[in-house]
Each structure stands twice: as C-alpha cells, then as structure tokens.
Amino acid sequence: MESAIWRPFWRKVKSSHLWNKLSQYPPNNIEKKLIGEMTGGDRALISALEGFEDLQLIGKLQLQDRGVQKGDVVFCITEGGETSSVIGTILAAAEQYGELTEQTIQQARKNLYFI
C-alpha cells in the first residue's frame, strides 16, 4: 500500500521537466525500487495491531523482511520521535554499518534519515 502511493508520484516526475534536474540522483527505475512500510504493514490499515509500535524488535524485523541492506536509503519518520518500532528500524539499519567509526558514521549519514 505505502509503495503504491509513491510509484505514481515518481512516474509523474519522470514524465515532467523536473526529471532532467533530478535524474542524476535517483536510479532510473526508482518507482520499482522504492519500498514504503508502516509499523504492522498493510494489516495495520485494516485492524489495529495494539502494541506493535511499542517494540523496537518490530521495526528491526520489518527491515529484515524487506531485505533492506547497507547502502539502501532509509527514511524513518515518527510524529513525536519516540515511537519504539521506528527507532528499532533506524537502529537496525545503522547496525549494518558495523562498529561506529568516523568513516562508518559518514557512510551512514548519506543513507539513513530519522525524522
């Protein structure tokens, strides 16, 4: 569901004059590579999954289920900055960079965003 919202957006951008300015940044097939996810997945849109957002493990498992790897760009968005599952997602993504060194921190900053 989340991905389905973004695919039409990127198709529209690619057919507009904006793509000439942006084309050097995202891959040409961005609409096929983009994955949207929310805590509890699409099921959470239909039925509340109480407590899922309170577990960092859920964020980590969803990241793994989607096959997100080091080098993939990850945006984690939480309304108040305290949602445990979202924090778990960004921490799991950061762990893929290994031990924190100046170099790994710089690499992660290019790809990981917590909003």
N, C-alpha and C. Protein backbone atom coordinates (compact mmCIF):
# COMPACT_ATOMS: atom_id res chain seq x y z
N MET A 1 0.82 -1.19 0.00
CA MET A 1 0.00 0.00 0.00
C MET A 1 0.87 1.26 0.00
N GLU A 2 1.81 1.34 0.95
CA GLU A 2 2.67 2.51 1.03
C GLU A 2 3.43 2.72 -0.28
N SER A 3 3.98 1.64 -0.83
CA SER A 3 4.75 1.75 -2.08
C SER A 3 3.86 2.17 -3.24
N ALA A 4 2.62 1.71 -3.23
CA ALA A 4 1.70 2.03 -4.32
C ALA A 4 1.40 3.52 -4.38
N ILE A 5 1.52 4.20 -3.28
CA ILE A 5 1.29 5.64 -3.26
C ILE A 5 2.43 6.39 -3.95
N TRP A 6 3.66 5.93 -3.75
CA TRP A 6 4.81 6.64 -4.28
C TRP A 6 5.10 6.33 -5.74
N ARG A 7 4.75 5.16 -6.22
CA ARG A 7 5.06 4.80 -7.61
C ARG A 7 4.45 5.77 -8.61
N PRO A 8 3.16 6.11 -8.51
CA PRO A 8 2.60 7.09 -9.45
C PRO A 8 3.29 8.45 -9.35
N PHE A 9 3.67 8.84 -8.14
CA PHE A 9 4.37 10.11 -7.97
C PHE A 9 5.65 10.13 -8.80
N TRP A 10 6.48 9.09 -8.67
CA TRP A 10 7.75 9.07 -9.40
C TRP A 10 7.54 8.95 -10.91
N ARG A 11 6.51 8.21 -11.33
CA ARG A 11 6.22 8.14 -12.77
C ARG A 11 5.88 9.52 -13.32
N LYS A 12 5.10 10.27 -12.55
CA LYS A 12 4.72 11.62 -12.97
C LYS A 12 5.95 12.53 -13.03
N VAL A 13 6.81 12.45 -12.02
CA VAL A 13 8.04 13.26 -12.01
C VAL A 13 8.91 12.92 -13.21
N LYS A 14 9.03 11.64 -13.52
CA LYS A 14 9.87 11.21 -14.64
C LYS A 14 9.35 11.72 -15.98
N SER A 15 8.06 11.94 -16.08
CA SER A 15 7.50 12.43 -17.34
C SER A 15 7.46 13.96 -17.40
N SER A 16 7.92 14.61 -16.35
CA SER A 16 7.91 16.07 -16.32
C SER A 16 9.31 16.64 -16.56
N HIS A 17 9.39 17.95 -16.67
CA HIS A 17 10.67 18.64 -16.86
C HIS A 17 11.58 18.52 -15.64
N LEU A 18 11.01 18.19 -14.49
CA LEU A 18 11.81 18.06 -13.26
C LEU A 18 12.82 16.92 -13.34
N TRP A 19 12.48 15.88 -14.10
CA TRP A 19 13.36 14.72 -14.16
C TRP A 19 14.74 15.08 -14.69
N ASN A 20 14.82 16.04 -15.60
CA ASN A 20 16.13 16.46 -16.12
C ASN A 20 17.03 16.96 -15.00
N LYS A 21 16.44 17.64 -14.03
CA LYS A 21 17.23 18.15 -12.91
C LYS A 21 17.55 17.07 -11.88
N LEU A 22 16.66 16.11 -11.73
CA LEU A 22 16.80 15.10 -10.68
C LEU A 22 17.46 13.81 -11.14
N SER A 23 17.50 13.55 -12.42
CA SER A 23 17.87 12.23 -12.93
C SER A 23 19.24 11.74 -12.50
N GLN A 24 20.14 12.63 -12.12
CA GLN A 24 21.47 12.17 -11.70
C GLN A 24 21.45 11.59 -10.29
N TYR A 25 20.38 11.79 -9.54
CA TYR A 25 20.33 11.34 -8.14
C TYR A 25 19.63 9.99 -7.97
N PRO A 26 18.33 9.89 -8.21
CA PRO A 26 17.71 8.57 -8.00
C PRO A 26 17.99 7.67 -9.20
N PRO A 27 17.93 6.36 -9.00
CA PRO A 27 18.10 5.46 -10.14
C PRO A 27 16.94 5.63 -11.12
N ASN A 28 17.16 5.28 -12.36
CA ASN A 28 16.15 5.46 -13.40
C ASN A 28 14.87 4.67 -13.09
N ASN A 29 15.00 3.56 -12.39
CA ASN A 29 13.82 2.74 -12.07
C ASN A 29 13.39 2.93 -10.61
N ILE A 30 13.45 4.15 -10.14
CA ILE A 30 13.15 4.46 -8.74
C ILE A 30 11.79 3.95 -8.30
N GLU A 31 10.81 4.00 -9.16
CA GLU A 31 9.47 3.57 -8.75
C GLU A 31 9.40 2.07 -8.48
N LYS A 32 10.34 1.29 -9.01
CA LYS A 32 10.37 -0.15 -8.74
C LYS A 32 11.22 -0.48 -7.52
N LYS A 33 12.08 0.43 -7.13
CA LYS A 33 12.98 0.19 -6.01
C LYS A 33 12.46 0.75 -4.69
N LEU A 34 11.52 1.63 -4.75
CA LEU A 34 11.00 2.29 -3.55
C LEU A 34 10.10 1.35 -2.76
N ILE A 35 10.35 1.26 -1.47
CA ILE A 35 9.52 0.44 -0.59
C ILE A 35 8.99 1.33 0.52
N GLY A 36 7.71 1.36 0.68
CA GLY A 36 7.11 2.08 1.79
C GLY A 36 6.66 1.07 2.84
N GLU A 37 6.78 1.41 4.08
CA GLU A 37 6.41 0.49 5.16
C GLU A 37 5.88 1.28 6.33
N MET A 38 4.93 0.69 7.02
CA MET A 38 4.45 1.27 8.26
C MET A 38 4.43 0.17 9.31
N THR A 39 4.50 0.56 10.56
CA THR A 39 4.50 -0.44 11.63
C THR A 39 3.26 -1.32 11.53
N GLY A 40 3.48 -2.61 11.43
CA GLY A 40 2.37 -3.55 11.30
C GLY A 40 1.98 -3.83 9.87
N GLY A 41 2.60 -3.13 8.91
CA GLY A 41 2.32 -3.37 7.50
C GLY A 41 0.90 -2.98 7.11
N ASP A 42 0.47 -3.46 5.95
CA ASP A 42 -0.85 -3.12 5.44
C ASP A 42 -1.98 -3.58 6.37
N ARG A 43 -1.72 -4.65 7.09
CA ARG A 43 -2.75 -5.16 8.01
C ARG A 43 -3.14 -4.09 9.02
N ALA A 44 -2.19 -3.27 9.43
CA ALA A 44 -2.48 -2.22 10.43
C ALA A 44 -3.45 -1.18 9.89
N LEU A 45 -3.60 -1.08 8.57
CA LEU A 45 -4.57 -0.15 8.00
C LEU A 45 -6.00 -0.65 8.20
N ILE A 46 -6.14 -1.96 8.28
CA ILE A 46 -7.46 -2.58 8.39
C ILE A 46 -7.86 -2.82 9.84
N SER A 47 -6.91 -3.28 10.62
CA SER A 47 -7.18 -3.64 12.00
C SER A 47 -6.02 -3.19 12.88
N ALA A 48 -6.33 -2.57 13.99
CA ALA A 48 -5.28 -2.09 14.89
C ALA A 48 -4.44 -3.25 15.41
N LEU A 49 -3.15 -3.06 15.41
CA LEU A 49 -2.23 -4.05 15.96
C LEU A 49 -1.63 -3.44 17.23
N GLU A 50 -2.41 -3.47 18.27
CA GLU A 50 -2.03 -2.81 19.52
C GLU A 50 -0.68 -3.30 20.02
N GLY A 51 0.16 -2.37 20.38
CA GLY A 51 1.45 -2.70 20.98
C GLY A 51 2.59 -2.85 20.00
N PHE A 52 2.32 -3.03 18.72
CA PHE A 52 3.40 -3.21 17.74
C PHE A 52 4.34 -2.02 17.73
N GLU A 53 3.78 -0.82 17.81
CA GLU A 53 4.61 0.38 17.74
C GLU A 53 5.48 0.55 18.99
N ASP A 54 5.19 -0.22 20.02
CA ASP A 54 5.95 -0.11 21.28
C ASP A 54 7.17 -1.02 21.33
N LEU A 55 7.43 -1.76 20.27
CA LEU A 55 8.52 -2.75 20.27
C LEU A 55 9.56 -2.42 19.20
N GLN A 56 10.80 -2.16 19.63
CA GLN A 56 11.87 -1.93 18.67
C GLN A 56 12.07 -3.14 17.76
N LEU A 57 11.84 -4.32 18.30
CA LEU A 57 12.02 -5.55 17.53
C LEU A 57 11.16 -5.56 16.26
N ILE A 58 9.97 -5.02 16.33
CA ILE A 58 9.08 -4.99 15.16
C ILE A 58 9.73 -4.20 14.02
N GLY A 59 10.31 -3.06 14.33
CA GLY A 59 10.99 -2.27 13.30
C GLY A 59 12.15 -3.02 12.69
N LYS A 60 12.92 -3.69 13.52
CA LYS A 60 14.06 -4.47 13.03
C LYS A 60 13.59 -5.61 12.12
N LEU A 61 12.55 -6.32 12.55
CA LEU A 61 12.05 -7.45 11.75
C LEU A 61 11.47 -6.99 10.42
N GLN A 62 10.76 -5.86 10.42
CA GLN A 62 10.21 -5.36 9.16
C GLN A 62 11.33 -4.96 8.20
N LEU A 63 12.38 -4.37 8.72
CA LEU A 63 13.53 -4.01 7.89
C LEU A 63 14.15 -5.26 7.27
N GLN A 64 14.32 -6.29 8.07
CA GLN A 64 14.88 -7.55 7.57
C GLN A 64 13.95 -8.21 6.56
N ASP A 65 12.65 -8.22 6.83
CA ASP A 65 11.68 -8.84 5.92
C ASP A 65 11.71 -8.20 4.54
N ARG A 66 11.96 -6.91 4.48
CA ARG A 66 12.00 -6.20 3.20
C ARG A 66 13.35 -6.33 2.50
N GLY A 67 14.33 -6.92 3.18
CA GLY A 67 15.64 -7.11 2.56
C GLY A 67 16.45 -5.84 2.43
N VAL A 68 16.20 -4.88 3.29
CA VAL A 68 16.95 -3.62 3.26
C VAL A 68 18.39 -3.91 3.68
N GLN A 69 19.34 -3.40 2.90
CA GLN A 69 20.76 -3.68 3.13
C GLN A 69 21.55 -2.39 3.28
N LYS A 70 22.76 -2.54 3.78
CA LYS A 70 23.69 -1.42 3.89
C LYS A 70 23.80 -0.74 2.52
N GLY A 71 23.69 0.56 2.51
CA GLY A 71 23.75 1.31 1.26
C GLY A 71 22.38 1.73 0.75
N ASP A 72 21.33 1.03 1.18
CA ASP A 72 19.97 1.45 0.83
C ASP A 72 19.65 2.72 1.62
N VAL A 73 18.84 3.56 1.05
CA VAL A 73 18.44 4.79 1.74
C VAL A 73 17.21 4.47 2.59
N VAL A 74 17.26 4.85 3.85
CA VAL A 74 16.17 4.56 4.79
C VAL A 74 15.72 5.87 5.44
N PHE A 75 14.45 6.19 5.29
CA PHE A 75 13.83 7.32 5.98
C PHE A 75 12.92 6.74 7.05
N CYS A 76 13.15 7.10 8.29
CA CYS A 76 12.28 6.68 9.39
C CYS A 76 11.59 7.92 9.93
N ILE A 77 10.28 7.91 9.87
CA ILE A 77 9.51 9.09 10.26
C ILE A 77 8.60 8.74 11.42
N THR A 78 8.68 9.53 12.47
CA THR A 78 7.82 9.35 13.63
C THR A 78 7.32 10.71 14.09
N GLU A 79 6.08 10.77 14.45
CA GLU A 79 5.45 12.05 14.81
C GLU A 79 6.13 12.71 15.99
N GLY A 80 6.43 11.95 17.03
CA GLY A 80 6.99 12.56 18.22
C GLY A 80 8.44 12.21 18.49
N GLY A 81 9.03 11.38 17.65
CA GLY A 81 10.43 11.00 17.83
C GLY A 81 10.65 9.91 18.86
N GLU A 82 9.57 9.32 19.36
CA GLU A 82 9.69 8.34 20.43
C GLU A 82 9.09 6.98 20.08
N THR A 83 8.61 6.78 18.88
CA THR A 83 7.96 5.52 18.53
C THR A 83 9.00 4.41 18.47
N SER A 84 8.89 3.46 19.36
CA SER A 84 9.91 2.42 19.51
C SER A 84 10.15 1.62 18.24
N SER A 85 9.09 1.26 17.53
CA SER A 85 9.29 0.46 16.31
C SER A 85 10.08 1.23 15.26
N VAL A 86 9.86 2.51 15.16
CA VAL A 86 10.59 3.34 14.20
C VAL A 86 12.05 3.48 14.64
N ILE A 87 12.27 3.64 15.92
CA ILE A 87 13.63 3.69 16.45
C ILE A 87 14.33 2.37 16.19
N GLY A 88 13.62 1.25 16.36
CA GLY A 88 14.19 -0.06 16.07
C GLY A 88 14.60 -0.21 14.62
N THR A 89 13.82 0.37 13.72
CA THR A 89 14.15 0.32 12.30
C THR A 89 15.45 1.06 12.01
N ILE A 90 15.58 2.27 12.50
CA ILE A 90 16.79 3.06 12.20
C ILE A 90 18.01 2.46 12.89
N LEU A 91 17.84 1.91 14.09
CA LEU A 91 18.97 1.28 14.77
C LEU A 91 19.43 0.03 14.02
N ALA A 92 18.48 -0.76 13.53
CA ALA A 92 18.83 -1.96 12.76
C ALA A 92 19.55 -1.58 11.47
N ALA A 93 19.08 -0.52 10.82
CA ALA A 93 19.75 -0.05 9.60
C ALA A 93 21.16 0.44 9.92
N ALA A 94 21.32 1.14 11.03
CA ALA A 94 22.63 1.66 11.43
C ALA A 94 23.59 0.53 11.80
N GLU A 95 23.08 -0.53 12.41
CA GLU A 95 23.91 -1.67 12.79
C GLU A 95 24.58 -2.32 11.58
N GLN A 96 23.97 -2.19 10.41
CA GLN A 96 24.54 -2.78 9.20
C GLN A 96 25.87 -2.13 8.82
N TYR A 97 26.15 -0.97 9.36
CA TYR A 97 27.41 -0.27 9.06
C TYR A 97 28.54 -0.69 9.98
N GLY A 98 28.25 -1.55 10.95
CA GLY A 98 29.29 -2.08 11.83
C GLY A 98 29.65 -1.12 12.95
N GLU A 99 30.86 -1.32 13.47
CA GLU A 99 31.34 -0.52 14.58
C GLU A 99 31.35 0.96 14.21
N LEU A 100 30.96 1.79 15.16
CA LEU A 100 30.92 3.23 14.90
C LEU A 100 32.32 3.81 14.84
N THR A 101 32.70 4.23 13.67
CA THR A 101 33.94 4.96 13.46
C THR A 101 33.57 6.21 12.68
N GLU A 102 34.50 7.12 12.53
CA GLU A 102 34.21 8.33 11.76
C GLU A 102 33.78 7.97 10.34
N GLN A 103 34.43 6.97 9.76
CA GLN A 103 34.11 6.56 8.39
C GLN A 103 32.72 5.95 8.29
N THR A 104 32.38 5.03 9.20
CA THR A 104 31.06 4.40 9.11
C THR A 104 29.94 5.40 9.42
N ILE A 105 30.21 6.33 10.30
CA ILE A 105 29.21 7.36 10.59
C ILE A 105 28.96 8.21 9.35
N GLN A 106 30.01 8.59 8.65
CA GLN A 106 29.85 9.39 7.43
C GLN A 106 29.09 8.61 6.36
N GLN A 107 29.38 7.31 6.22
CA GLN A 107 28.66 6.49 5.25
C GLN A 107 27.17 6.42 5.60
N ALA A 108 26.89 6.17 6.87
CA ALA A 108 25.50 6.05 7.31
C ALA A 108 24.73 7.36 7.12
N ARG A 109 25.39 8.49 7.34
CA ARG A 109 24.72 9.79 7.20
C ARG A 109 24.24 10.05 5.78
N LYS A 110 24.84 9.40 4.82
CA LYS A 110 24.42 9.57 3.42
C LYS A 110 23.15 8.80 3.11
N ASN A 111 22.82 7.81 3.95
CA ASN A 111 21.73 6.90 3.62
C ASN A 111 20.64 6.76 4.66
N LEU A 112 20.90 7.16 5.90
CA LEU A 112 19.93 6.94 6.97
C LEU A 112 19.41 8.27 7.49
N TYR A 113 18.08 8.39 7.56
CA TYR A 113 17.44 9.63 7.99
C TYR A 113 16.35 9.32 9.01
N PHE A 114 16.42 9.96 10.16
CA PHE A 114 15.41 9.79 11.21
C PHE A 114 14.72 11.13 11.41
N ILE A 115 13.44 11.16 11.12
CA ILE A 115 12.69 12.42 11.14
C ILE A 115 11.57 12.31 12.16
